[in-house]
């Protein structure tokens, strides 16, 4: 499946994780923040416990007092919109009670001065009670307090041991029993339950989403044989919170996408070298692979880089005998008309290329821009050229016999217009950018002072460069191409540059085909 680019205007959801820490980064809030980022959310974290642990086990746990916990929670909800919540490790009954009270208040409260009104947001609860080994992590009174928190959640993600504890039954022996326990929990607590089969024996590792009404959506999957599973439960629940915030209400899609991401991250875990025990998964493996690590250039930096990249070609164009003769007025009329004739041939082909670019454009605005440009090239500029030539023979000769430079340039443009939009638009740009820059400097007398004289033999032609409409179109064309290059992959951006550079060279060759006089 091809990756789909994130729309620039889409609001990024804010996801809060309430959980403990893992200084080695594989579990707890550290894993949650990576999982949220991988799921397209902005991660926030409130710490319930400071855990001294590594890949081999837990050494010590420090639980801050609940007044500070509540201060953290209020600091977030008083200022930031929460779009989804993941709850992980809650170390004791007081912590659970504090979180439950805050959650109830913040979900129900109306907007007040200095506070952010919090709409009902989805809550994913990872009921951390029993380790994967089956050993209890909480005291009995804490487990009872956690049961009372379950109805406040929209989805719970217990492992098999926690599933049995919530159901008040022995550990499920097979997948059918696990599904039955999930159904009873969903009905009792009126909550969705993600039943996970990872701790069952065999090569299959299925998951299933069980709704309060009894509906079951299964997600089959083969077991990934790896010792690097540290933090898998934390990561799954945080990833689900991020994805359900992006597609509210669609729990099946959120689960399916999270499961696919988790499997990808588990399969890449062996690329890490973190600790001597059960290592973590590689949360960002897919993003690194598909997106790369190079920061995309901005449109502004591309504009500057490309313009500097053709500096030598632009100088060589300035130095051409035709340009110098046009600027100082020594260009012979015959040679000027030869240029006009060849430019007429060029405009016919250029118009066709512009029309093709219009059909490739990704937005209605860009499509309309390039279509107007095509019309202007053939109905405006071409007719002006024909009027300047009048009944002179060169236009007929030129149309029948384009020069080598004219053919080379138009063939490049027509070939580029059969490629993708980005490359095609880049090839069209020099006829705007280089031409507009050259014309403005001719008009200002920067190439030769005489070009500003009203007595200049080509004064009427030079005045045509003083066109605010064309100047605006030039900026629009630059903007569209630079934006496309910024958003493109490095490979596409390189193709765009090569198409642009080649067209700039052909622009020079086109001006250089006519003798100076």
Protein backbone atom coordinates (compact mmCIF):
# COMPACT_ATOMS: atom_id res chain seq x y z
CA UNK A 1 0.00 0.00 0.00
CA UNK A 2 1.30 3.44 -0.86
CA UNK A 3 1.73 5.94 1.93
CA UNK A 4 -0.79 8.78 1.88
CA UNK A 5 0.47 12.27 2.57
CA UNK A 6 -1.05 14.09 5.51
CA UNK A 7 -3.18 17.08 4.44
CA UNK A 8 -1.55 20.29 5.62
CA UNK A 9 -4.84 21.75 6.89
CA UNK A 10 -5.88 18.78 9.03
CA UNK A 11 -5.85 19.49 12.76
CA UNK A 12 -3.30 17.41 14.68
CA UNK A 13 -5.00 15.69 17.64
CA UNK A 14 -3.64 16.19 21.16
CA UNK A 15 -3.23 12.87 22.98
CA UNK A 16 -2.61 12.70 26.73
CA UNK A 17 -0.93 9.69 28.33
CA UNK A 18 -1.28 9.12 32.06
CA UNK A 19 1.28 6.50 33.01
CA UNK A 20 4.58 5.63 34.65
CA UNK A 21 8.07 6.00 33.25
CA UNK A 22 10.74 3.76 31.74
CA UNK A 23 14.20 5.33 31.67
CA UNK A 24 15.29 2.91 28.93
CA UNK A 25 12.51 4.27 26.69
CA UNK A 26 10.78 1.02 25.80
CA UNK A 27 7.63 1.25 27.93
CA UNK A 28 5.58 3.76 29.92
CA UNK A 29 5.18 7.35 28.82
CA UNK A 30 8.38 7.19 26.78
CA UNK A 31 6.90 4.45 24.60
CA UNK A 32 3.52 6.20 24.60
CA UNK A 33 4.92 9.44 23.20
CA UNK A 34 6.67 7.57 20.38
CA UNK A 35 3.51 5.60 19.64
CA UNK A 36 1.38 8.73 19.58
CA UNK A 37 3.81 10.43 17.20
CA UNK A 38 3.81 7.37 14.94
CA UNK A 39 0.00 7.51 14.95
CA UNK A 40 -0.13 11.14 13.84
CA UNK A 41 -0.86 12.77 17.19
CA UNK A 42 0.77 15.33 19.45
CA UNK A 43 1.77 13.51 22.62
CA UNK A 44 1.46 14.84 26.17
CA UNK A 45 2.26 12.98 29.39
CA UNK A 46 1.32 13.08 33.06
CA UNK A 47 3.56 10.93 35.26
CA UNK A 48 1.96 8.66 37.85
CA UNK A 49 5.11 6.84 38.93
CA UNK A 50 8.86 7.14 38.47
CA UNK A 51 10.08 3.65 37.72
CA UNK A 52 13.70 2.52 37.90
CA UNK A 53 13.60 -0.27 35.33
CA UNK A 54 15.42 -1.60 32.31
CA UNK A 55 14.97 -4.42 29.82
CA UNK A 56 15.68 -6.97 32.55
CA UNK A 57 13.20 -5.83 35.16
CA UNK A 58 11.95 -3.27 37.67
CA UNK A 59 14.29 -2.17 40.44
CA UNK A 60 12.40 0.52 42.29
CA UNK A 61 9.23 2.61 42.04
CA UNK A 62 8.64 6.09 43.39
CA UNK A 63 5.05 7.36 43.43
CA UNK A 64 4.66 11.16 43.71
CA UNK A 65 1.89 12.35 46.02
CA UNK A 66 -1.55 12.65 44.51
CA UNK A 67 -1.68 16.43 45.01
CA UNK A 68 1.16 16.77 42.53
CA UNK A 69 -0.52 14.26 40.21
CA UNK A 70 -3.67 16.36 40.23
CA UNK A 71 -1.60 19.49 39.63
CA UNK A 72 -0.13 17.88 36.50
CA UNK A 73 -3.56 16.83 35.25
CA UNK A 74 -5.06 20.27 35.81
CA UNK A 75 -2.08 21.99 34.18
CA UNK A 76 -2.84 20.11 30.99
CA UNK A 77 -6.63 20.29 30.92
CA UNK A 78 -6.78 23.96 31.97
CA UNK A 79 -4.79 24.97 28.92
CA UNK A 80 -4.84 22.30 26.21
CA UNK A 81 -7.66 20.66 24.26
CA UNK A 82 -7.52 16.90 24.81
CA UNK A 83 -8.63 14.81 21.84
CA UNK A 84 -7.97 11.37 23.34
CA UNK A 85 -6.65 9.91 26.57
CA UNK A 86 -4.56 6.82 27.25
CA UNK A 87 -4.33 5.60 30.83
CA UNK A 88 -1.57 3.20 31.76
CA UNK A 89 0.15 2.36 35.04
CA UNK A 90 -1.74 3.63 38.10
CA UNK A 91 0.34 2.55 41.09
CA UNK A 92 -2.19 2.55 43.94
CA UNK A 93 -5.80 3.18 44.89
CA UNK A 94 -5.21 6.87 45.70
CA UNK A 95 -3.70 7.45 42.27
CA UNK A 96 -6.64 5.71 40.59
CA UNK A 97 -9.16 7.72 42.60
CA UNK A 98 -7.39 10.98 41.72
CA UNK A 99 -7.35 10.17 38.01
CA UNK A 100 -11.00 9.05 38.06
CA UNK A 101 -12.12 12.24 39.82
CA UNK A 102 -10.21 14.45 37.40
CA UNK A 103 -11.54 12.55 34.39
CA UNK A 104 -15.14 12.81 35.54
CA UNK A 105 -14.82 16.52 36.21
CA UNK A 106 -12.99 17.42 33.04
CA UNK A 107 -15.34 15.48 30.77
CA UNK A 108 -18.40 17.18 32.21
CA UNK A 109 -17.30 20.71 32.91
CA UNK A 110 -18.42 23.65 30.83
CA UNK A 111 -16.10 26.41 29.67
CA UNK A 112 -14.98 28.66 32.52
CA UNK A 113 -12.68 31.63 32.70
CA UNK A 114 -9.09 30.56 32.25
CA UNK A 115 -9.97 26.99 31.40
CA UNK A 116 -10.38 25.03 28.19
CA UNK A 117 -13.78 23.43 27.67
CA UNK A 118 -13.14 19.73 27.14
CA UNK A 119 -15.59 17.90 24.88
CA UNK A 120 -16.15 14.21 25.49
CA UNK A 121 -12.95 12.54 24.31
CA UNK A 122 -12.26 8.82 23.90
CA UNK A 123 -10.43 7.05 26.72
CA UNK A 124 -8.25 4.00 26.19
CA UNK A 125 -7.43 2.16 29.42
CA UNK A 126 -4.54 -0.27 29.62
CA UNK A 127 -5.44 -1.93 32.93
CA UNK A 128 -1.93 -2.65 34.19
CA UNK A 129 -2.54 -5.17 36.96
CA UNK A 130 -0.70 -8.39 36.14
CA UNK A 131 2.65 -8.88 34.41
CA UNK A 132 3.09 -11.08 31.35
CA UNK A 133 4.55 -13.68 33.72
CA UNK A 134 1.26 -13.79 35.63
CA UNK A 135 2.64 -12.02 38.71
CA UNK A 136 0.39 -9.35 40.25
CA UNK A 137 1.63 -5.78 39.98
CA UNK A 138 -1.01 -4.19 42.21
CA UNK A 139 -2.37 -4.82 45.71
CA UNK A 140 -5.91 -6.28 45.94
CA UNK A 141 -7.49 -2.97 47.03
CA UNK A 142 -5.84 -1.24 44.07
CA UNK A 143 -7.27 -3.81 41.67
CA UNK A 144 -10.75 -3.13 43.01
CA UNK A 145 -10.25 0.61 42.53
CA UNK A 146 -9.13 -0.06 38.97
CA UNK A 147 -12.32 -2.03 38.31
CA UNK A 148 -14.28 1.10 39.23
CA UNK A 149 -12.33 3.06 36.62
CA UNK A 150 -13.23 0.71 33.76
CA UNK A 151 -16.72 2.17 33.08
CA UNK A 152 -15.13 5.58 32.47
CA UNK A 153 -13.18 4.16 29.54
CA UNK A 154 -14.30 3.63 25.95
CA UNK A 155 -11.86 0.79 25.35
CA UNK A 156 -9.83 -1.46 27.65
CA UNK A 157 -6.80 -3.40 26.41
CA UNK A 158 -6.02 -6.12 29.00
CA UNK A 159 -3.56 -8.94 28.51
CA UNK A 160 -4.94 -12.45 29.07
CA UNK A 161 -4.16 -12.41 32.80
CA UNK A 162 -5.83 -9.03 33.26
CA UNK A 163 -8.76 -10.18 31.14
CA UNK A 164 -9.33 -13.09 33.52
CA UNK A 165 -9.00 -10.80 36.54
CA UNK A 166 -11.59 -8.34 35.19
CA UNK A 167 -13.93 -11.24 34.36
CA UNK A 168 -13.38 -12.80 37.81
CA UNK A 169 -12.57 -16.11 36.16
CA UNK A 170 -9.59 -18.45 35.67
CA UNK A 171 -7.10 -17.74 32.90
CA UNK A 172 -8.53 -18.54 29.47
CA UNK A 173 -7.12 -21.75 28.02
CA UNK A 174 -7.87 -20.92 24.40
CA UNK A 175 -9.09 -18.21 22.05
CA UNK A 176 -12.76 -19.09 22.40
CA UNK A 177 -12.62 -18.76 26.18
CA UNK A 178 -10.77 -15.44 25.87
CA UNK A 179 -13.47 -14.09 23.54
CA UNK A 180 -16.16 -15.23 25.97
CA UNK A 181 -14.44 -13.42 28.84
CA UNK A 182 -14.11 -10.30 26.72
CA UNK A 183 -17.83 -10.40 25.91
CA UNK A 184 -18.77 -10.69 29.59
CA UNK A 185 -16.53 -7.76 30.55
CA UNK A 186 -17.92 -5.64 27.71
CA UNK A 187 -21.48 -6.35 28.82
CA UNK A 188 -20.80 -5.87 32.55
CA UNK A 189 -18.90 -2.61 32.28
CA UNK A 190 -20.51 -1.33 29.05
CA UNK A 191 -17.10 -0.85 27.50
CA UNK A 192 -15.32 -2.08 24.39
CA UNK A 193 -12.70 -4.74 25.07
CA UNK A 194 -9.69 -5.49 22.91
CA UNK A 195 -9.05 -9.19 23.50
CA UNK A 196 -5.41 -10.01 22.75
CA UNK A 197 -4.23 -13.51 21.96
CA UNK A 198 -0.51 -12.86 22.12
CA UNK A 199 -0.03 -14.93 25.28
CA UNK A 200 -1.79 -18.00 23.89
CA UNK A 201 0.28 -20.90 22.63
CA UNK A 202 0.79 -21.50 18.90
CA UNK A 203 1.80 -19.63 15.78
CA UNK A 204 -1.36 -17.53 15.65
CA UNK A 205 -1.68 -14.23 17.54
CA UNK A 206 -5.24 -13.00 16.92
CA UNK A 207 -6.90 -9.93 18.41
CA UNK A 208 -10.59 -9.09 18.60
CA UNK A 209 -12.62 -6.00 19.35
CA UNK A 210 -15.67 -6.89 21.45
CA UNK A 211 -18.41 -4.27 21.77
CA UNK A 212 -20.87 -3.94 24.70
CA UNK A 213 -23.66 -5.19 22.44
CA UNK A 214 -21.78 -8.40 21.72
CA UNK A 215 -20.46 -7.53 18.24
CA UNK A 216 -17.04 -9.06 17.61
CA UNK A 217 -14.53 -7.84 15.03
CA UNK A 218 -11.58 -10.19 14.72
CA UNK A 219 -8.10 -9.29 13.52
CA UNK A 220 -6.18 -12.47 12.67
CA UNK A 221 -2.41 -12.43 12.57
CA UNK A 222 0.57 -14.75 12.58
CA UNK A 223 2.84 -14.63 15.61
CA UNK A 224 6.03 -12.61 15.21
CA UNK A 225 8.76 -14.63 16.88
CA UNK A 226 10.94 -12.06 18.64
CA UNK A 227 12.19 -11.58 22.20
CA UNK A 228 11.87 -7.82 21.80
CA UNK A 229 8.38 -7.23 23.13
CA UNK A 230 9.10 -4.84 26.01
CA UNK A 231 6.40 -2.15 26.12
CA UNK A 232 4.13 -3.74 23.53
CA UNK A 233 0.97 -3.24 25.60
CA UNK A 234 1.81 0.40 26.36
CA UNK A 235 2.53 1.08 22.72
CA UNK A 236 -0.65 -0.60 21.47
CA UNK A 237 -2.96 1.36 23.74
CA UNK A 238 -1.25 4.70 23.04
CA UNK A 239 -1.30 4.03 19.30
CA UNK A 240 -5.01 3.28 19.49
CA UNK A 241 -5.67 6.56 21.33
CA UNK A 242 -3.88 8.50 18.59
CA UNK A 243 -5.73 6.81 15.77
CA UNK A 244 -9.21 6.98 17.29
CA UNK A 245 -8.71 10.72 17.79
CA UNK A 246 -8.07 11.06 14.07
CA UNK A 247 -11.12 9.01 13.05
CA UNK A 248 -13.56 9.43 15.94
CA UNK A 249 -15.91 6.50 16.49
CA UNK A 250 -14.30 4.11 14.03
CA UNK A 251 -12.77 1.69 16.52
CA UNK A 252 -12.39 -1.14 14.02
CA UNK A 253 -10.31 0.95 11.63
CA UNK A 254 -8.25 2.39 14.49
CA UNK A 255 -7.54 -1.11 15.78
CA UNK A 256 -6.68 -2.49 12.36
CA UNK A 257 -4.29 0.34 11.57
CA UNK A 258 -2.69 0.22 15.02
CA UNK A 259 -2.19 -3.51 14.78
CA UNK A 260 -0.52 -3.13 11.36
CA UNK A 261 1.81 -0.43 12.73
CA UNK A 262 2.63 -2.51 15.81
CA UNK A 263 3.52 -5.56 13.73
CA UNK A 264 5.76 -3.44 11.51
CA UNK A 265 7.49 -2.03 14.61
CA UNK A 266 7.92 -5.47 16.18
CA UNK A 267 9.45 -6.87 13.01
CA UNK A 268 11.96 -4.02 12.99
CA UNK A 269 12.86 -4.38 16.68
CA UNK A 270 15.95 -6.47 15.93
CA UNK A 271 17.54 -3.38 14.37
CA UNK A 272 17.81 -1.91 17.87
CA UNK A 273 20.45 -2.78 20.44
CA UNK A 274 18.88 -1.71 23.73
CA UNK A 275 19.78 -3.70 26.83
CA UNK A 276 20.46 -7.35 27.53
CA UNK A 277 16.89 -8.43 28.25
CA UNK A 278 13.60 -8.14 26.39
CA UNK A 279 14.21 -5.17 24.12
CA UNK A 280 11.71 -2.59 22.88
CA UNK A 281 10.05 -2.35 19.50
CA UNK A 282 11.22 0.21 16.92
CA UNK A 283 8.26 2.58 17.07
CA UNK A 284 9.27 4.84 14.18
CA UNK A 285 10.60 2.20 11.77
CA UNK A 286 7.89 2.75 9.17
CA UNK A 287 8.11 6.54 9.32
CA UNK A 288 11.87 6.48 8.88
CA UNK A 289 11.63 4.07 5.99
CA UNK A 290 8.88 5.88 4.12
CA UNK A 291 9.66 9.47 5.05
CA UNK A 292 13.42 9.50 5.44
CA UNK A 293 15.43 11.62 7.85
CA UNK A 294 16.21 14.59 5.62
CA UNK A 295 14.24 17.74 6.36
CA UNK A 296 12.36 18.91 3.30
CA UNK A 297 13.46 22.32 2.01
CA UNK A 298 11.01 25.19 2.21
CA UNK A 299 9.62 26.78 -0.97
CA UNK A 300 11.64 29.89 -0.14
CA UNK A 301 14.91 27.95 0.12
CA UNK A 302 14.18 26.11 -3.13
CA UNK A 303 13.56 29.42 -4.90
CA UNK A 304 16.90 30.78 -3.70
CA UNK A 305 18.79 27.56 -4.41
CA UNK A 306 17.43 27.13 -7.94
CA UNK A 307 18.00 30.76 -8.87
CA UNK A 308 21.59 30.57 -7.66
CA UNK A 309 21.98 27.22 -9.41
CA UNK A 310 21.39 28.83 -12.82
CA UNK A 311 23.47 31.94 -12.11
CA UNK A 312 26.18 31.00 -14.60
CA UNK A 313 23.65 30.24 -17.35
CA UNK A 314 21.93 33.55 -16.68
CA UNK A 315 25.22 35.41 -16.97
CA UNK A 316 26.03 33.61 -20.20
CA UNK A 317 22.62 34.66 -21.51
CA UNK A 318 23.32 38.29 -20.62
CA UNK A 319 26.61 38.12 -22.52
CA UNK A 320 25.06 36.84 -25.76
CA UNK A 321 25.51 39.11 -28.77
CA UNK A 322 21.76 39.14 -29.39
CA UNK A 323 20.98 40.36 -25.85
CA UNK A 324 23.78 42.93 -25.91
CA UNK A 325 22.70 44.17 -29.35
CA UNK A 326 19.08 44.38 -28.25
CA UNK A 327 20.11 46.37 -25.17
CA UNK A 328 22.40 48.84 -26.90
CA UNK A 329 20.29 49.18 -30.04
CA UNK A 330 22.82 47.77 -32.53
CA UNK A 331 20.81 44.63 -33.32
CA UNK A 332 19.93 44.58 -37.01
CA UNK A 333 16.23 44.60 -37.87
CA UNK A 334 16.56 41.45 -39.96
CA UNK A 335 17.98 39.52 -37.03
CA UNK A 336 15.33 40.89 -34.70
CA UNK A 337 12.62 39.65 -37.06
CA UNK A 338 14.31 36.25 -37.24
CA UNK A 339 14.09 36.07 -33.46
CA UNK A 340 10.40 37.07 -33.55
CA UNK A 341 9.69 34.41 -36.17
CA UNK A 342 11.39 31.67 -34.16
CA UNK A 343 9.64 32.87 -31.00
CA UNK A 344 6.31 32.53 -32.80
CA UNK A 345 7.12 28.90 -33.58
CA UNK A 346 8.18 28.40 -29.98
CA UNK A 347 4.95 29.89 -28.60
CA UNK A 348 2.79 27.44 -30.55
CA UNK A 349 4.57 24.48 -28.97
CA UNK A 350 4.84 26.19 -25.57
CA UNK A 351 1.08 26.71 -25.55
CA UNK A 352 0.54 22.98 -26.16
CA UNK A 353 2.91 22.11 -23.32
CA UNK A 354 1.18 24.55 -20.95
CA UNK A 355 -2.20 23.04 -21.83
CA UNK A 356 -0.86 19.60 -20.94
CA UNK A 357 0.46 20.89 -17.61
CA UNK A 358 -3.02 22.23 -16.89
CA UNK A 359 -4.48 18.73 -17.22
CA UNK A 360 -1.92 17.42 -14.72
CA UNK A 361 -2.40 20.18 -12.13
CA UNK A 362 -3.50 18.93 -8.67
CA UNK A 363 -5.78 21.86 -7.76
CA UNK A 364 -8.44 23.83 -9.63
CA UNK A 365 -6.44 27.04 -9.07
CA UNK A 366 -3.31 25.60 -10.65
CA UNK A 367 -5.30 24.04 -13.48
CA UNK A 368 -6.89 27.41 -14.27
CA UNK A 369 -3.54 29.22 -14.08
CA UNK A 370 -1.76 26.98 -16.58
CA UNK A 371 -4.80 26.93 -18.88
CA UNK A 372 -4.85 30.75 -18.93
CA UNK A 373 -1.13 30.70 -19.65
CA UNK A 374 -1.67 28.37 -22.62
CA UNK A 375 -4.36 30.65 -23.99
CA UNK A 376 -2.21 33.72 -23.46
CA UNK A 377 0.74 32.17 -25.28
CA UNK A 378 -1.21 31.34 -28.41
CA UNK A 379 -3.86 34.08 -28.50
CA UNK A 380 -1.89 36.96 -27.00
CA UNK A 381 1.84 36.76 -27.48
CA UNK A 382 1.73 34.86 -30.76
CA UNK A 383 -0.67 37.35 -32.34
CA UNK A 384 1.51 40.26 -31.17
CA UNK A 385 4.48 38.61 -32.84
CA UNK A 386 2.53 38.12 -36.07
CA UNK A 387 1.49 41.77 -36.00
CA UNK A 388 5.12 42.87 -35.68
CA UNK A 389 6.12 40.74 -38.65
CA UNK A 390 3.20 41.86 -40.76
CA UNK A 391 3.45 40.38 -44.22
CA UNK A 392 7.17 39.67 -43.94
CA UNK A 393 8.24 36.30 -45.18
CA UNK A 394 10.23 35.08 -42.14
CA UNK A 395 7.22 33.93 -40.16
CA UNK A 396 6.12 31.57 -42.88
CA UNK A 397 9.65 30.30 -43.29
CA UNK A 398 10.05 29.92 -39.56
CA UNK A 399 6.84 27.98 -39.09
CA UNK A 400 7.91 25.53 -41.75
CA UNK A 401 11.55 25.32 -40.61
CA UNK A 402 12.15 25.84 -36.89
CA UNK A 403 15.78 26.23 -35.96
CA UNK A 404 17.75 23.56 -34.08
CA UNK A 405 17.54 25.59 -30.88
CA UNK A 406 13.79 26.12 -31.25
CA UNK A 407 13.23 22.43 -31.93
CA UNK A 408 15.45 21.39 -29.03
CA UNK A 409 13.70 23.71 -26.57
CA UNK A 410 10.15 22.83 -27.62
CA UNK A 411 10.93 19.11 -27.71
CA UNK A 412 12.18 19.38 -24.12
CA UNK A 413 9.00 21.15 -23.00
CA UNK A 414 6.65 18.79 -24.82
CA UNK A 415 8.50 15.76 -23.46
CA UNK A 416 8.41 17.16 -19.91
CA UNK A 417 4.67 17.80 -20.23
CA UNK A 418 4.11 14.05 -20.60
CA UNK A 419 5.68 13.43 -17.16
CA UNK A 420 4.13 14.12 -13.76
CA UNK A 421 2.86 17.58 -12.83
CA UNK A 422 5.86 18.57 -10.73
CA UNK A 423 8.46 17.87 -13.42
CA UNK A 424 6.30 19.35 -16.18
CA UNK A 425 5.67 22.60 -14.31
CA UNK A 426 9.36 22.93 -13.45
CA UNK A 427 10.26 22.73 -17.14
CA UNK A 428 7.80 25.54 -17.97
CA UNK A 429 9.21 27.90 -15.35
CA UNK A 430 12.31 29.41 -17.06
CA UNK A 431 10.17 30.93 -19.80
CA UNK A 432 8.52 32.89 -16.99
CA UNK A 433 11.32 33.46 -14.51
CA UNK A 434 14.41 33.93 -16.68
CA UNK A 435 12.48 35.86 -19.34
CA UNK A 436 10.84 38.15 -16.75
CA UNK A 437 14.14 38.87 -15.01
CA UNK A 438 15.92 39.58 -18.30
CA UNK A 439 13.11 41.86 -19.45
CA UNK A 440 13.02 43.85 -16.21
CA UNK A 441 16.77 44.42 -16.33
CA UNK A 442 16.59 45.46 -19.99
CA UNK A 443 13.82 47.89 -19.12
CA UNK A 444 15.80 49.32 -16.20
CA UNK A 445 18.90 49.83 -18.34
CA UNK A 446 20.96 47.44 -16.23
CA UNK A 447 22.33 45.58 -19.29
CA UNK A 448 22.89 48.81 -21.24
CA UNK A 449 21.87 52.34 -20.36
CA UNK A 450 20.58 53.03 -23.89
CA UNK A 451 17.72 50.58 -23.45
CA UNK A 452 15.94 53.23 -21.35
CA UNK A 453 15.97 55.76 -24.19
CA UNK A 454 12.73 56.58 -25.98
CA UNK A 455 14.83 56.84 -29.14
CA UNK A 456 15.98 53.21 -28.87
CA UNK A 457 15.10 51.36 -32.12
CA UNK A 458 13.40 48.62 -30.11
CA UNK A 459 11.90 50.87 -27.44
CA UNK A 460 8.38 49.64 -28.18
CA UNK A 461 9.47 46.01 -27.73
CA UNK A 462 11.40 46.73 -24.53
CA UNK A 463 8.35 48.54 -23.05
CA UNK A 464 6.36 45.32 -23.33
CA UNK A 465 8.42 43.98 -20.43
CA UNK A 466 6.73 46.57 -18.20
CA UNK A 467 3.71 44.33 -17.71
CA UNK A 468 2.37 43.99 -14.12
CA UNK A 469 0.19 41.09 -15.19
CA UNK A 470 3.11 39.05 -16.44
CA UNK A 471 5.13 39.95 -13.33
CA UNK A 472 2.29 38.64 -11.16
CA UNK A 473 1.99 35.48 -13.25
CA UNK A 474 5.74 34.95 -12.93
CA UNK A 475 5.46 35.06 -9.13
CA UNK A 476 2.52 32.66 -9.23
CA UNK A 477 4.40 30.20 -11.42
CA UNK A 478 7.45 30.35 -9.16
CA UNK A 479 5.23 29.81 -6.12
CA UNK A 480 3.48 26.77 -7.57
CA UNK A 481 6.70 25.11 -8.68
CA UNK A 482 8.58 25.86 -5.45
CA UNK A 483 5.69 24.52 -3.36
CA UNK A 484 5.55 21.34 -5.45
CA UNK A 485 9.30 20.88 -5.07
CA UNK A 486 9.11 21.38 -1.31
CA UNK A 487 6.41 18.73 -0.96
CA UNK A 488 8.07 16.27 -3.36
CA UNK A 489 10.27 13.32 -2.54
CA UNK A 490 14.01 13.90 -2.96
CA UNK A 491 13.92 11.86 -6.17
CA UNK A 492 11.09 13.89 -7.69
CA UNK A 493 12.69 17.13 -6.54
CA UNK A 494 15.90 16.17 -8.34
CA UNK A 495 13.94 15.43 -11.54
CA UNK A 496 12.25 18.81 -11.23
CA UNK A 497 15.57 20.58 -10.89
CA UNK A 498 17.03 18.79 -13.90
CA UNK A 499 13.99 19.71 -16.01
CA UNK A 500 14.22 23.33 -14.84
CA UNK A 501 17.98 23.52 -15.42
CA UNK A 502 17.70 22.01 -18.90
CA UNK A 503 14.95 24.47 -19.86
CA UNK A 504 17.12 27.35 -18.61
CA UNK A 505 19.96 26.16 -20.83
CA UNK A 506 17.58 25.92 -23.77
CA UNK A 507 16.41 29.46 -22.98
CA UNK A 508 20.01 30.59 -23.37
CA UNK A 509 20.41 28.63 -26.60
CA UNK A 510 17.21 30.10 -27.96
CA UNK A 511 18.47 33.67 -27.46
CA UNK A 512 21.86 32.69 -28.81
CA UNK A 513 20.63 31.31 -32.13
CA UNK A 514 20.18 34.78 -33.66
CA UNK A 515 23.28 36.74 -34.80
CA UNK A 516 24.05 39.97 -32.99
CA UNK A 517 24.02 42.02 -36.13
